[in-house]
Amino acid sequence: MKNLIFTLLVILSFALIQGCDKEPERMEDFLAEFATVIKQGDSYRFELDNGKILNPVEVKDFSGSNGDRVIIYWTPVSGDTVKIKRILPIFSGGVLTEGFPERYINDPLKIISVWVEGEYLNLILEIEYNTTPHSVALFKDTSAPGTDLYLAHSINNDKPGYPQVMYASFNLDILRGQNGASVPFRLFINTNKGLRQFNFTLIGTS
Protein backbone atom coordinates (compact mmCIF):
# COMPACT_ATOMS: atom_id res chain seq x y z
CA MET A 1 0.00 0.00 0.00
CA LYS A 2 1.48 3.28 -1.11
CA ASN A 3 0.85 5.01 2.12
CA LEU A 4 3.18 7.17 4.14
CA ILE A 5 3.73 4.91 7.15
CA PHE A 6 7.01 5.20 8.95
CA THR A 7 7.57 2.88 11.90
CA LEU A 8 10.41 4.42 13.83
CA LEU A 9 12.21 2.58 16.59
CA VAL A 10 14.31 4.99 18.65
CA ILE A 11 16.87 3.68 21.09
CA LEU A 12 18.22 6.03 23.75
CA SER A 13 21.62 5.11 25.18
CA PHE A 14 23.43 6.84 27.99
CA ALA A 15 26.93 8.18 27.48
CA LEU A 16 27.73 7.77 31.15
CA ILE A 17 26.79 4.59 32.97
CA GLN A 18 27.67 4.32 36.61
CA GLY A 19 27.64 1.15 38.64
CA CYS A 20 26.30 -2.00 36.96
CA ASP A 21 25.36 -2.18 33.27
CA LYS A 22 21.86 -1.01 32.33
CA GLU A 23 19.57 -2.01 29.48
CA PRO A 24 19.00 0.81 26.94
CA GLU A 25 15.65 2.55 27.33
CA ARG A 26 13.35 2.35 24.30
CA MET A 27 10.79 4.97 23.32
CA GLU A 28 7.37 3.95 22.04
CA ASP A 29 7.02 2.93 18.41
CA PHE A 30 4.97 5.42 16.43
CA LEU A 31 3.50 5.87 12.96
CA ALA A 32 3.42 8.89 10.67
CA GLU A 33 0.62 9.27 8.11
CA PHE A 34 -1.16 11.86 5.99
CA ALA A 35 -4.60 12.62 7.42
CA THR A 36 -7.55 15.02 7.22
CA VAL A 37 -8.61 17.05 10.24
CA ILE A 38 -12.12 16.52 11.61
CA LYS A 39 -12.93 19.37 13.98
CA GLN A 40 -16.10 19.34 16.07
CA GLY A 41 -16.28 22.24 18.48
CA ASP A 42 -12.98 22.27 20.32
CA SER A 43 -12.26 18.58 19.76
CA TYR A 44 -10.26 16.94 16.98
CA ARG A 45 -10.26 13.62 15.21
CA PHE A 46 -8.20 12.58 12.21
CA GLU A 47 -9.27 10.60 9.16
CA LEU A 48 -6.58 8.59 7.42
CA ASP A 49 -6.70 8.25 3.65
CA ASN A 50 -7.84 4.63 3.99
CA GLY A 51 -10.99 5.86 5.78
CA LYS A 52 -9.92 4.96 9.32
CA ILE A 53 -10.71 7.63 11.90
CA LEU A 54 -8.34 8.12 14.82
CA ASN A 55 -9.58 9.38 18.17
CA PRO A 56 -6.72 11.03 20.09
CA VAL A 57 -6.51 10.86 23.85
CA GLU A 58 -5.72 14.59 23.74
CA VAL A 59 -4.45 17.16 21.26
CA LYS A 60 -1.93 19.76 22.39
CA ASP A 61 -0.54 22.84 20.65
CA PHE A 62 -2.69 22.49 17.52
CA SER A 63 -5.29 24.88 16.12
CA GLY A 64 -6.16 23.49 12.69
CA SER A 65 -9.46 23.82 10.86
CA ASN A 66 -11.88 21.18 9.67
CA GLY A 67 -10.65 19.68 6.39
CA ASP A 68 -7.00 20.65 6.83
CA ARG A 69 -4.39 18.18 5.66
CA VAL A 70 -1.70 17.19 8.14
CA ILE A 71 0.88 14.56 8.93
CA ILE A 72 0.19 12.99 12.29
CA TYR A 73 2.71 11.08 14.36
CA TRP A 74 0.81 8.70 16.61
CA THR A 75 1.00 5.65 18.81
CA PRO A 76 -1.85 3.11 19.09
CA VAL A 77 -3.54 2.88 22.49
CA SER A 78 -6.65 0.74 22.04
CA GLY A 79 -8.83 0.26 18.97
CA ASP A 80 -9.09 3.64 17.22
CA THR A 81 -7.86 5.51 20.30
CA VAL A 82 -4.36 6.87 19.81
CA LYS A 83 -1.76 9.03 21.49
CA ILE A 84 -0.64 11.95 19.33
CA LYS A 85 3.08 12.68 19.30
CA ARG A 86 3.15 15.51 16.77
CA ILE A 87 0.97 17.19 14.14
CA LEU A 88 2.58 18.78 11.10
CA PRO A 89 0.41 20.99 8.82
CA ILE A 90 1.06 20.53 5.10
CA PHE A 91 0.10 22.30 1.89
CA SER A 92 -3.21 21.18 0.43
CA GLY A 93 -5.25 22.11 -2.62
CA GLY A 94 -7.41 20.79 -5.43
CA VAL A 95 -7.15 20.28 -9.18
CA LEU A 96 -7.22 23.52 -11.20
CA THR A 97 -9.23 23.14 -14.39
CA GLU A 98 -8.33 26.59 -15.71
CA GLY A 99 -4.96 28.26 -16.29
CA PHE A 100 -3.04 25.54 -18.11
CA PRO A 101 -0.61 26.09 -19.76
CA GLU A 102 -0.46 29.89 -19.39
CA ARG A 103 -0.13 29.82 -15.58
CA TYR A 104 1.92 26.63 -15.45
CA ILE A 105 5.43 27.15 -14.02
CA ASN A 106 7.66 24.10 -13.93
CA ASP A 107 10.76 24.97 -11.93
CA PRO A 108 12.44 21.59 -11.33
CA LEU A 109 12.41 19.77 -8.01
CA LYS A 110 13.26 16.36 -6.60
CA ILE A 111 10.62 13.70 -5.97
CA ILE A 112 11.00 11.68 -2.78
CA SER A 113 7.63 9.94 -2.94
CA VAL A 114 4.30 10.28 -4.77
CA TRP A 115 1.19 8.14 -4.34
CA VAL A 116 -2.61 8.12 -4.51
CA GLU A 117 -4.83 6.90 -1.69
CA GLY A 118 -8.47 7.61 -1.03
CA GLU A 119 -9.35 10.98 -2.57
CA TYR A 120 -5.82 12.37 -2.48
CA LEU A 121 -2.65 12.69 -4.48
CA ASN A 122 0.14 12.94 -1.91
CA LEU A 123 3.68 14.10 -2.53
CA ILE A 124 6.92 14.35 -0.61
CA LEU A 125 9.27 16.66 -2.49
CA GLU A 126 12.71 18.16 -2.05
CA ILE A 127 13.28 21.78 -3.01
CA GLU A 128 16.25 24.13 -2.75
CA TYR A 129 15.00 26.73 -0.31
CA ASN A 130 16.59 29.93 0.94
CA THR A 131 14.16 32.53 2.33
CA THR A 132 11.21 32.88 -0.09
CA PRO A 133 8.36 30.35 0.13
CA HIS A 134 7.86 28.25 -3.00
CA SER A 135 4.47 27.66 -4.64
CA VAL A 136 2.93 24.45 -5.96
CA ALA A 137 -0.32 23.79 -7.81
CA LEU A 138 -1.95 20.97 -9.74
CA PHE A 139 -3.33 21.74 -13.20
CA LYS A 140 -5.50 19.64 -15.48
CA ASP A 141 -4.83 19.83 -19.23
CA THR A 142 -8.42 20.15 -20.44
CA SER A 143 -7.30 19.87 -24.08
CA ALA A 144 -5.94 16.34 -23.59
CA PRO A 145 -8.12 13.39 -24.70
CA GLY A 146 -7.52 11.63 -21.38
CA THR A 147 -6.91 12.92 -17.86
CA ASP A 148 -3.50 14.58 -17.69
CA LEU A 149 -2.36 16.47 -14.59
CA TYR A 150 0.69 18.70 -14.30
CA LEU A 151 2.34 19.64 -11.02
CA ALA A 152 3.40 23.28 -11.14
CA HIS A 153 6.29 24.51 -9.00
CA SER A 154 7.53 28.08 -8.74
CA ILE A 155 10.60 29.11 -6.77
CA ASN A 156 9.18 32.68 -6.68
CA ASN A 157 12.65 34.09 -7.36
CA ASP A 158 14.04 32.42 -4.27
CA LYS A 159 17.83 32.48 -4.16
CA PRO A 160 19.88 29.24 -4.11
CA GLY A 161 19.79 27.78 -0.64
CA TYR A 162 19.74 24.32 0.90
CA PRO A 163 17.66 21.15 0.39
CA GLN A 164 14.38 21.12 2.29
CA VAL A 165 11.52 18.62 2.31
CA MET A 166 8.13 19.89 1.18
CA TYR A 167 4.82 18.04 1.65
CA ALA A 168 1.75 18.52 -0.51
CA SER A 169 -1.66 16.88 -0.83
CA PHE A 170 -4.29 17.47 -3.54
CA ASN A 171 -7.94 16.41 -3.46
CA LEU A 172 -8.80 14.60 -6.72
CA ASP A 173 -12.55 14.22 -6.28
CA ILE A 174 -13.26 16.70 -9.10
CA LEU A 175 -11.88 14.16 -11.59
CA ARG A 176 -14.77 11.79 -11.03
CA GLY A 177 -17.91 11.91 -13.09
CA GLN A 178 -21.45 11.70 -11.73
CA ASN A 179 -21.36 7.91 -11.88
CA GLY A 180 -18.40 7.75 -9.49
CA ALA A 181 -16.40 5.45 -11.76
CA SER A 182 -12.65 4.93 -11.41
CA VAL A 183 -10.51 7.43 -13.32
CA PRO A 184 -7.07 6.57 -14.71
CA PHE A 185 -4.83 9.59 -15.09
CA ARG A 186 -1.28 10.63 -15.92
CA LEU A 187 0.75 12.92 -13.69
CA PHE A 188 3.66 14.95 -15.05
CA ILE A 189 6.33 16.49 -12.82
CA ASN A 190 9.40 18.38 -13.97
CA THR A 191 12.40 17.15 -11.97
CA ASN A 192 16.09 17.94 -11.85
CA LYS A 193 16.53 15.07 -14.32
CA GLY A 194 13.74 16.10 -16.70
CA LEU A 195 9.99 15.57 -17.04
CA ARG A 196 8.69 12.42 -15.37
CA GLN A 197 5.37 10.68 -15.95
CA PHE A 198 3.40 8.68 -13.38
CA ASN A 199 0.32 6.56 -14.13
CA PHE A 200 -2.32 6.35 -11.41
CA THR A 201 -5.97 5.44 -10.98
CA LEU A 202 -8.42 7.28 -8.74
CA ILE A 203 -10.55 4.41 -7.42
CA GLY A 204 -14.27 4.82 -8.01
CA THR A 205 -16.98 5.07 -5.40
CA SER A 206 -19.66 3.18 -7.29
C-alpha atoms as a PDB file:
ATOM      1  CA  MET A   1       0.000   0.000   0.000  1.00  0.00           C
ATOM      2  CA  LYS A   2       1.479   3.283  -1.114  1.00  0.00           C
ATOM      3  CA  ASN A   3       0.855   5.013   2.124  1.00  0.00           C
ATOM      4  CA  LEU A   4       3.181   7.171   4.141  1.00  0.00           C
ATOM      5  CA  ILE A   5       3.727   4.914   7.146  1.00  0.00           C
ATOM      6  CA  PHE A   6       7.008   5.198   8.952  1.00  0.00           C
ATOM      7  CA  THR A   7       7.565   2.884  11.901  1.00  0.00           C
ATOM      8  CA  LEU A   8      10.409   4.419  13.828  1.00  0.00           C
ATOM      9  CA  LEU A   9      12.208   2.584  16.591  1.00  0.00           C
ATOM     10  CA  VAL A  10      14.306   4.988  18.648  1.00  0.00           C
ATOM     11  CA  ILE A  11      16.869   3.682  21.094  1.00  0.00           C
ATOM     12  CA  LEU A  12      18.220   6.032  23.750  1.00  0.00           C
ATOM     13  CA  SER A  13      21.617   5.112  25.185  1.00  0.00           C
ATOM     14  CA  PHE A  14      23.427   6.839  27.993  1.00  0.00           C
ATOM     15  CA  ALA A  15      26.934   8.184  27.477  1.00  0.00           C
ATOM     16  CA  LEU A  16      27.726   7.768  31.151  1.00  0.00           C
ATOM     17  CA  ILE A  17      26.794   4.594  32.967  1.00  0.00           C
ATOM     18  CA  GLN A  18      27.673   4.321  36.613  1.00  0.00           C
ATOM     19  CA  GLY A  19      27.641   1.154  38.643  1.00  0.00           C
ATOM     20  CA  CYS A  20      26.296  -2.003  36.960  1.00  0.00           C
ATOM     21  CA  ASP A  21      25.360  -2.184  33.268  1.00  0.00           C
ATOM     22  CA  LYS A  22      21.864  -1.008  32.335  1.00  0.00           C
ATOM     23  CA  GLU A  23      19.569  -2.008  29.481  1.00  0.00           C
ATOM     24  CA  PRO A  24      19.005   0.808  26.939  1.00  0.00           C
ATOM     25  CA  GLU A  25      15.650   2.549  27.327  1.00  0.00           C
ATOM     26  CA  ARG A  26      13.351   2.353  24.305  1.00  0.00           C
ATOM     27  CA  MET A  27      10.794   4.967  23.319  1.00  0.00           C
ATOM     28  CA  GLU A  28       7.374   3.951  22.043  1.00  0.00           C
ATOM     29  CA  ASP A  29       7.022   2.934  18.413  1.00  0.00           C
ATOM     30  CA  PHE A  30       4.967   5.417  16.434  1.00  0.00           C
ATOM     31  CA  LEU A  31       3.495   5.874  12.959  1.00  0.00           C
ATOM     32  CA  ALA A  32       3.418   8.889  10.668  1.00  0.00           C
ATOM     33  CA  GLU A  33       0.622   9.267   8.112  1.00  0.00           C
ATOM     34  CA  PHE A  34      -1.156  11.863   5.994  1.00  0.00           C
ATOM     35  CA  ALA A  35      -4.597  12.619   7.419  1.00  0.00           C
ATOM     36  CA  THR A  36      -7.550  15.016   7.221  1.00  0.00           C
ATOM     37  CA  VAL A  37      -8.606  17.052  10.244  1.00  0.00           C
ATOM     38  CA  ILE A  38     -12.118  16.525  11.608  1.00  0.00           C
ATOM     39  CA  LYS A  39     -12.926  19.368  13.982  1.00  0.00           C
ATOM     40  CA  GLN A  40     -16.096  19.337  16.073  1.00  0.00           C
ATOM     41  CA  GLY A  41     -16.275  22.240  18.477  1.00  0.00           C
ATOM     42  CA  ASP A  42     -12.978  22.270  20.318  1.00  0.00           C
ATOM     43  CA  SER A  43     -12.259  18.582  19.760  1.00  0.00           C
ATOM     44  CA  TYR A  44     -10.255  16.940  16.984  1.00  0.00           C
ATOM     45  CA  ARG A  45     -10.264  13.622  15.210  1.00  0.00           C
ATOM     46  CA  PHE A  46      -8.197  12.582  12.212  1.00  0.00           C
ATOM     47  CA  GLU A  47      -9.274  10.600   9.160  1.00  0.00           C
ATOM     48  CA  LEU A  48      -6.579   8.592   7.420  1.00  0.00           C
ATOM     49  CA  ASP A  49      -6.695   8.247   3.646  1.00  0.00           C
ATOM     50  CA  ASN A  50      -7.842   4.626   3.993  1.00  0.00           C
ATOM     51  CA  GLY A  51     -10.988   5.860   5.782  1.00  0.00           C
ATOM     52  CA  LYS A  52      -9.923   4.959   9.320  1.00  0.00           C
ATOM     53  CA  ILE A  53     -10.712   7.629  11.905  1.00  0.00           C
ATOM     54  CA  LEU A  54      -8.339   8.117  14.820  1.00  0.00           C
ATOM     55  CA  ASN A  55      -9.576   9.381  18.174  1.00  0.00           C
ATOM     56  CA  PRO A  56      -6.723  11.028  20.087  1.00  0.00           C
ATOM     57  CA  VAL A  57      -6.506  10.863  23.853  1.00  0.00           C
ATOM     58  CA  GLU A  58      -5.721  14.588  23.740  1.00  0.00           C
ATOM     59  CA  VAL A  59      -4.448  17.163  21.259  1.00  0.00           C
ATOM     60  CA  LYS A  60      -1.931  19.764  22.393  1.00  0.00           C
ATOM     61  CA  ASP A  61      -0.543  22.841  20.651  1.00  0.00           C
ATOM     62  CA  PHE A  62      -2.695  22.494  17.519  1.00  0.00           C
ATOM     63  CA  SER A  63      -5.293  24.877  16.125  1.00  0.00           C
ATOM     64  CA  GLY A  64      -6.157  23.488  12.694  1.00  0.00           C
ATOM     65  CA  SER A  65      -9.457  23.819  10.859  1.00  0.00           C
ATOM     66  CA  ASN A  66     -11.877  21.179   9.672  1.00  0.00           C
ATOM     67  CA  GLY A  67     -10.651  19.677   6.391  1.00  0.00           C
ATOM     68  CA  ASP A  68      -6.999  20.652   6.828  1.00  0.00           C
ATOM     69  CA  ARG A  69      -4.389  18.183   5.660  1.00  0.00           C
ATOM     70  CA  VAL A  70      -1.700  17.188   8.137  1.00  0.00           C
ATOM     71  CA  ILE A  71       0.881  14.564   8.925  1.00  0.00           C
ATOM     72  CA  ILE A  72       0.194  12.987  12.294  1.00  0.00           C
ATOM     73  CA  TYR A  73       2.707  11.080  14.362  1.00  0.00           C
ATOM     74  CA  TRP A  74       0.809   8.697  16.609  1.00  0.00           C
ATOM     75  CA  THR A  75       1.004   5.652  18.815  1.00  0.00           C
ATOM     76  CA  PRO A  76      -1.854   3.109  19.095  1.00  0.00           C
ATOM     77  CA  VAL A  77      -3.538   2.879  22.486  1.00  0.00           C
ATOM     78  CA  SER A  78      -6.653   0.736  22.045  1.00  0.00           C
ATOM     79  CA  GLY A  79      -8.832   0.264  18.970  1.00  0.00           C
ATOM     80  CA  ASP A  80      -9.093   3.638  17.224  1.00  0.00           C
ATOM     81  CA  THR A  81      -7.860   5.512  20.298  1.00  0.00           C
ATOM     82  CA  VAL A  82      -4.357   6.874  19.815  1.00  0.00           C
ATOM     83  CA  LYS A  83      -1.757   9.026  21.493  1.00  0.00           C
ATOM     84  CA  ILE A  84      -0.638  11.952  19.332  1.00  0.00           C
ATOM     85  CA  LYS A  85       3.079  12.682  19.305  1.00  0.00           C
ATOM     86  CA  ARG A  86       3.149  15.512  16.771  1.00  0.00           C
ATOM     87  CA  ILE A  87       0.970  17.190  14.136  1.00  0.00           C
ATOM     88  CA  LEU A  88       2.582  18.776  11.097  1.00  0.00           C
ATOM     89  CA  PRO A  89       0.413  20.994   8.823  1.00  0.00           C
ATOM     90  CA  ILE A  90       1.058  20.526   5.098  1.00  0.00           C
ATOM     91  CA  PHE A  91       0.095  22.299   1.887  1.00  0.00           C
ATOM     92  CA  SER A  92      -3.213  21.176   0.432  1.00  0.00           C
ATOM     93  CA  GLY A  93      -5.246  22.114  -2.619  1.00  0.00           C
ATOM     94  CA  GLY A  94      -7.405  20.789  -5.429  1.00  0.00           C
ATOM     95  CA  VAL A  95      -7.153  20.280  -9.183  1.00  0.00           C
ATOM     96  CA  LEU A  96      -7.221  23.523 -11.199  1.00  0.00           C
ATOM     97  CA  THR A  97      -9.231  23.140 -14.392  1.00  0.00           C
ATOM     98  CA  GLU A  98      -8.330  26.585 -15.712  1.00  0.00           C
ATOM     99  CA  GLY A  99      -4.959  28.259 -16.285  1.00  0.00           C
ATOM    100  CA  PHE A 100      -3.037  25.541 -18.115  1.00  0.00           C
ATOM    101  CA  PRO A 101      -0.608  26.086 -19.757  1.00  0.00           C
ATOM    102  CA  GLU A 102      -0.459  29.894 -19.391  1.00  0.00           C
ATOM    103  CA  ARG A 103      -0.127  29.816 -15.577  1.00  0.00           C
ATOM    104  CA  TYR A 104       1.916  26.629 -15.448  1.00  0.00           C
ATOM    105  CA  ILE A 105       5.428  27.151 -14.017  1.00  0.00           C
ATOM    106  CA  ASN A 106       7.664  24.101 -13.925  1.00  0.00           C
ATOM    107  CA  ASP A 107      10.758  24.971 -11.928  1.00  0.00           C
ATOM    108  CA  PRO A 108      12.440  21.594 -11.330  1.00  0.00           C
ATOM    109  CA  LEU A 109      12.411  19.766  -8.009  1.00  0.00           C
ATOM    110  CA  LYS A 110      13.264  16.358  -6.600  1.00  0.00           C
ATOM    111  CA  ILE A 111      10.625  13.695  -5.969  1.00  0.00           C
ATOM    112  CA  ILE A 112      11.004  11.678  -2.782  1.00  0.00           C
ATOM    113  CA  SER A 113       7.625   9.936  -2.943  1.00  0.00           C
ATOM    114  CA  VAL A 114       4.301  10.278  -4.767  1.00  0.00           C
ATOM    115  CA  TRP A 115       1.186   8.141  -4.341  1.00  0.00           C
ATOM    116  CA  VAL A 116      -2.615   8.124  -4.513  1.00  0.00           C
ATOM    117  CA  GLU A 117      -4.832   6.901  -1.692  1.00  0.00           C
ATOM    118  CA  GLY A 118      -8.466   7.611  -1.028  1.00  0.00           C
ATOM    119  CA  GLU A 119      -9.345  10.980  -2.572  1.00  0.00           C
ATOM    120  CA  TYR A 120      -5.824  12.366  -2.482  1.00  0.00           C
ATOM    121  CA  LEU A 121      -2.646  12.692  -4.483  1.00  0.00           C
ATOM    122  CA  ASN A 122       0.139  12.936  -1.911  1.00  0.00           C
ATOM    123  CA  LEU A 123       3.677  14.104  -2.534  1.00  0.00           C
ATOM    124  CA  ILE A 124       6.921  14.352  -0.609  1.00  0.00           C
ATOM    125  CA  LEU A 125       9.270  16.660  -2.486  1.00  0.00           C
ATOM    126  CA  GLU A 126      12.707  18.160  -2.047  1.00  0.00           C
ATOM    127  CA  ILE A 127      13.281  21.781  -3.007  1.00  0.00           C
ATOM    128  CA  GLU A 128      16.246  24.129  -2.753  1.00  0.00           C
ATOM    129  CA  TYR A 129      15.003  26.726  -0.307  1.00  0.00           C
ATOM    130  CA  ASN A 130      16.593  29.929   0.940  1.00  0.00           C
ATOM    131  CA  THR A 131      14.163  32.531   2.326  1.00  0.00           C
ATOM    132  CA  THR A 132      11.215  32.880  -0.089  1.00  0.00           C
ATOM    133  CA  PRO A 133       8.357  30.352   0.134  1.00  0.00           C
ATOM    134  CA  HIS A 134       7.858  28.246  -3.004  1.00  0.00           C
ATOM    135  CA  SER A 135       4.466  27.655  -4.639  1.00  0.00           C
ATOM    136  CA  VAL A 136       2.930  24.452  -5.965  1.00  0.00           C
ATOM    137  CA  ALA A 137      -0.325  23.793  -7.807  1.00  0.00           C
ATOM    138  CA  LEU A 138      -1.950  20.971  -9.745  1.00  0.00           C
ATOM    139  CA  PHE A 139      -3.328  21.745 -13.201  1.00  0.00           C
ATOM    140  CA  LYS A 140      -5.499  19.639 -15.483  1.00  0.00           C
ATOM    141  CA  ASP A 141      -4.829  19.828 -19.226  1.00  0.00           C
ATOM    142  CA  THR A 142      -8.416  20.153 -20.436  1.00  0.00           C
ATOM    143  CA  SER A 143      -7.303  19.869 -24.085  1.00  0.00           C
ATOM    144  CA  ALA A 144      -5.940  16.341 -23.593  1.00  0.00           C
ATOM    145  CA  PRO A 145      -8.116  13.390 -24.695  1.00  0.00           C
ATOM    146  CA  GLY A 146      -7.519  11.631 -21.376  1.00  0.00           C
ATOM    147  CA  THR A 147      -6.908  12.924 -17.861  1.00  0.00           C
ATOM    148  CA  ASP A 148      -3.495  14.577 -17.690  1.00  0.00           C
ATOM    149  CA  LEU A 149      -2.363  16.469 -14.594  1.00  0.00           C
ATOM    150  CA  TYR A 150       0.695  18.703 -14.298  1.00  0.00           C
ATOM    151  CA  LEU A 151       2.343  19.639 -11.023  1.00  0.00           C
ATOM    152  CA  ALA A 152       3.396  23.280 -11.136  1.00  0.00           C
ATOM    153  CA  HIS A 153       6.285  24.515  -9.001  1.00  0.00           C
ATOM    154  CA  SER A 154       7.531  28.076  -8.738  1.00  0.00           C
ATOM    155  CA  ILE A 155      10.595  29.115  -6.770  1.00  0.00           C
ATOM    156  CA  ASN A 156       9.175  32.675  -6.679  1.00  0.00           C
ATOM    157  CA  ASN A 157      12.646  34.086  -7.360  1.00  0.00           C
ATOM    158  CA  ASP A 158      14.038  32.417  -4.273  1.00  0.00           C
ATOM    159  CA  LYS A 159      17.831  32.485  -4.158  1.00  0.00           C
ATOM    160  CA  PRO A 160      19.876  29.239  -4.108  1.00  0.00           C
ATOM    161  CA  GLY A 161      19.786  27.782  -0.635  1.00  0.00           C
ATOM    162  CA  TYR A 162      19.739  24.321   0.896  1.00  0.00           C
ATOM    163  CA  PRO A 163      17.659  21.146   0.390  1.00  0.00           C
ATOM    164  CA  GLN A 164      14.384  21.120   2.294  1.00  0.00           C
ATOM    165  CA  VAL A 165      11.524  18.619   2.313  1.00  0.00           C
ATOM    166  CA  MET A 166       8.128  19.891   1.176  1.00  0.00           C
ATOM    167  CA  TYR A 167       4.817  18.042   1.650  1.00  0.00           C
ATOM    168  CA  ALA A 168       1.748  18.523  -0.514  1.00  0.00           C
ATOM    169  CA  SER A 169      -1.663  16.880  -0.834  1.00  0.00           C
ATOM    170  CA  PHE A 170      -4.288  17.466  -3.543  1.00  0.00           C
ATOM    171  CA  ASN A 171      -7.940  16.414  -3.464  1.00  0.00           C
ATOM    172  CA  LEU A 172      -8.805  14.596  -6.717  1.00  0.00           C
ATOM    173  CA  ASP A 173     -12.551  14.218  -6.276  1.00  0.00           C
ATOM    174  CA  ILE A 174     -13.256  16.703  -9.099  1.00  0.00           C
ATOM    175  CA  LEU A 175     -11.880  14.165 -11.591  1.00  0.00           C
ATOM    176  CA  ARG A 176     -14.774  11.788 -11.028  1.00  0.00           C
ATOM    177  CA  GLY A 177     -17.913  11.911 -13.091  1.00  0.00           C
ATOM    178  CA  GLN A 178     -21.453  11.705 -11.732  1.00  0.00           C
ATOM    179  CA  ASN A 179     -21.363   7.907 -11.877  1.00  0.00           C
ATOM    180  CA  GLY A 180     -18.400   7.753  -9.492  1.00  0.00           C
ATOM    181  CA  ALA A 181     -16.398   5.448 -11.764  1.00  0.00           C
ATOM    182  CA  SER A 182     -12.651   4.933 -11.410  1.00  0.00           C
ATOM    183  CA  VAL A 183     -10.512   7.434 -13.322  1.00  0.00           C
ATOM    184  CA  PRO A 184      -7.073   6.565 -14.705  1.00  0.00           C
ATOM    185  CA  PHE A 185      -4.826   9.588 -15.091  1.00  0.00           C
ATOM    186  CA  ARG A 186      -1.285  10.627 -15.921  1.00  0.00           C
ATOM    187  CA  LEU A 187       0.747  12.920 -13.690  1.00  0.00           C
ATOM    188  CA  PHE A 188       3.655  14.946 -15.052  1.00  0.00           C
ATOM    189  CA  ILE A 189       6.329  16.491 -12.823  1.00  0.00           C
ATOM    190  CA  ASN A 190       9.398  18.381 -13.969  1.00  0.00           C
ATOM    191  CA  THR A 191      12.395  17.151 -11.965  1.00  0.00           C
ATOM    192  CA  ASN A 192      16.086  17.944 -11.853  1.00  0.00           C
ATOM    193  CA  LYS A 193      16.532  15.071 -14.315  1.00  0.00           C
ATOM    194  CA  GLY A 194      13.741  16.101 -16.697  1.00  0.00           C
ATOM    195  CA  LEU A 195       9.993  15.571 -17.043  1.00  0.00           C
ATOM    196  CA  ARG A 196       8.687  12.415 -15.373  1.00  0.00           C
ATOM    197  CA  GLN A 197       5.375  10.676 -15.952  1.00  0.00           C
ATOM    198  CA  PHE A 198       3.395   8.684 -13.377  1.00  0.00           C
ATOM    199  CA  ASN A 199       0.322   6.563 -14.127  1.00  0.00           C
ATOM    200  CA  PHE A 200      -2.318   6.350 -11.408  1.00  0.00           C
ATOM    201  CA  THR A 201      -5.975   5.442 -10.982  1.00  0.00           C
ATOM    202  CA  LEU A 202      -8.417   7.276  -8.742  1.00  0.00           C
ATOM    203  CA  ILE A 203     -10.549   4.411  -7.417  1.00  0.00           C
ATOM    204  CA  GLY A 204     -14.270   4.821  -8.005  1.00  0.00           C
ATOM    205  CA  THR A 205     -16.979   5.073  -5.396  1.00  0.00           C
ATOM    206  CA  SER A 206     -19.664   3.176  -7.292  1.00  0.00           C
END
